[in-house]
Amino acid sequence: MQEYSHVEKRLIGEPKVIFKGTDIRLTEGPHLYRIDGYYYLLTAEGGTRYGHTATLARSKAIDGPYELHPDHPLLTSWHEPRNPLQRCGHASMIQTHTGEWYLAHLAGRPLPRDGAPVQEQRGYCPLGRETAIQKLEWHNGWPYVVGGKEGSLEVESPNIEEVKWEVDFDEVDHFEQLTLNHHFQSLRIPLTDEVMSLKQRKGNLRLFGKESLTSLFTQALVARRWQAFHFDASTGVSFQPDTFQQAAGLVCYYNTENWTSVQITWNEEKERVIDIVRCDNFTFSQPIHGSEIPVPENIEYVHLKVKVRVDTYSFCYSFDQETWHDIPVTFASYQLSDEYVRLNGFTGAFVGMHCQDTSGQNKHADFDYFMYKE
């Protein structure tokens, strides 16, 4: 802790360690609350993994010493491997204007792992790190999570008027606006005019081919998060490659080392084709090699779809957006999860559109729409 001068608009005095954390370790993210004569210090511990916790301590003096919650930690699912909410921790407390208390926190919902020992492998979280909320009740000057410190899927709502939240995206985005819906994200860099355009072809998202999906620099990638275990996503892409170095299509993406792309590219024997490329912890494969699907010459837009079904996902294609053909390859959802990737992240999987051109010609692809339907 260090004093801040409002007059000088800077920190003054000497910093002081007021809390060193517990034996859970990895102490971070402090929140300080002044409630009924006590200072409550709420920290995160255990990292964003299955040992994640919310640790609470209090003191009469702002600089301590701080005593731990009598039922430490305040929140964790470490002791309940069967709980559908796992990795619970990193929390914030809030009091409503009706005097009720709630705890917003981070969590993960792992896929079921049939046949695996529950305490050995708790599962994989392709949806990444999510936000949950719990109700709090106070006893003897300490808050407790209602229903148990592991967190509940269903929580009693506060005694206030319900607020209806409008849907903030259309299931089918036809790219008729000059800005992208805020659910879409790019990778590392802004989507400048050299990478993307919503103006050059009305009602289309144009991506200019950049580096490969393994690149740590310039990628033409526009994607949104997986937000459910069961959804379809599709797009229609107009792309005219003339070399195998060019590809554009639909990708299920975790990071540069873990993704699966169904894409239009160039085959020297079959010319324009639909192909699948898989990158599994930087090990590459082409599951339909030799059976690539030729695209008829008179077809401009090729429609590509992914069907995510809890623990698996698969692709299909259409040349008229009415008759869909399944591509007979199934992929495991857990391989696009926080726990599977070598970097041990917490972002979860994405689905989106990409265009790459490692020949340096910046060959563009036009995407007529993007559909995401849970």
Foldseek 3Di string as FASTA:
>chain_A
DFDADPVVRGTDDDDDDQDDDDPLDPWDDWDWDQDPQKIKIWIWGNPQDQAIAIWIWIDNDPSDNTDTDPPPDQAACNVPLPAQWGSWYDWDWDADPVGWIKIKTKTFGFFDDPPDDSNVDSHFGQLFIDIDMFTWDDDPHDIHTPPHRHDDPDYDDDPDDDDDDDDQDDLKFQLQDFDDRPQKDDPPDDCDPLAWGSPPDHSWIKGFAAADLLDPDDWNWIWGGDPDQWKKKKWKKFFAEDAQLKWKAKKKDQGSQFIKGFIWGQDPVQGTWTWMWTGQSNDIDTVCVVNTGHDDPPQGIKMKMWTRHRQKIFIWIDRPVPDIDTDPDIDTSSSNGLVNHPVNHGNHIIMTITIHHPVPPRGMMIIRIMGMGD
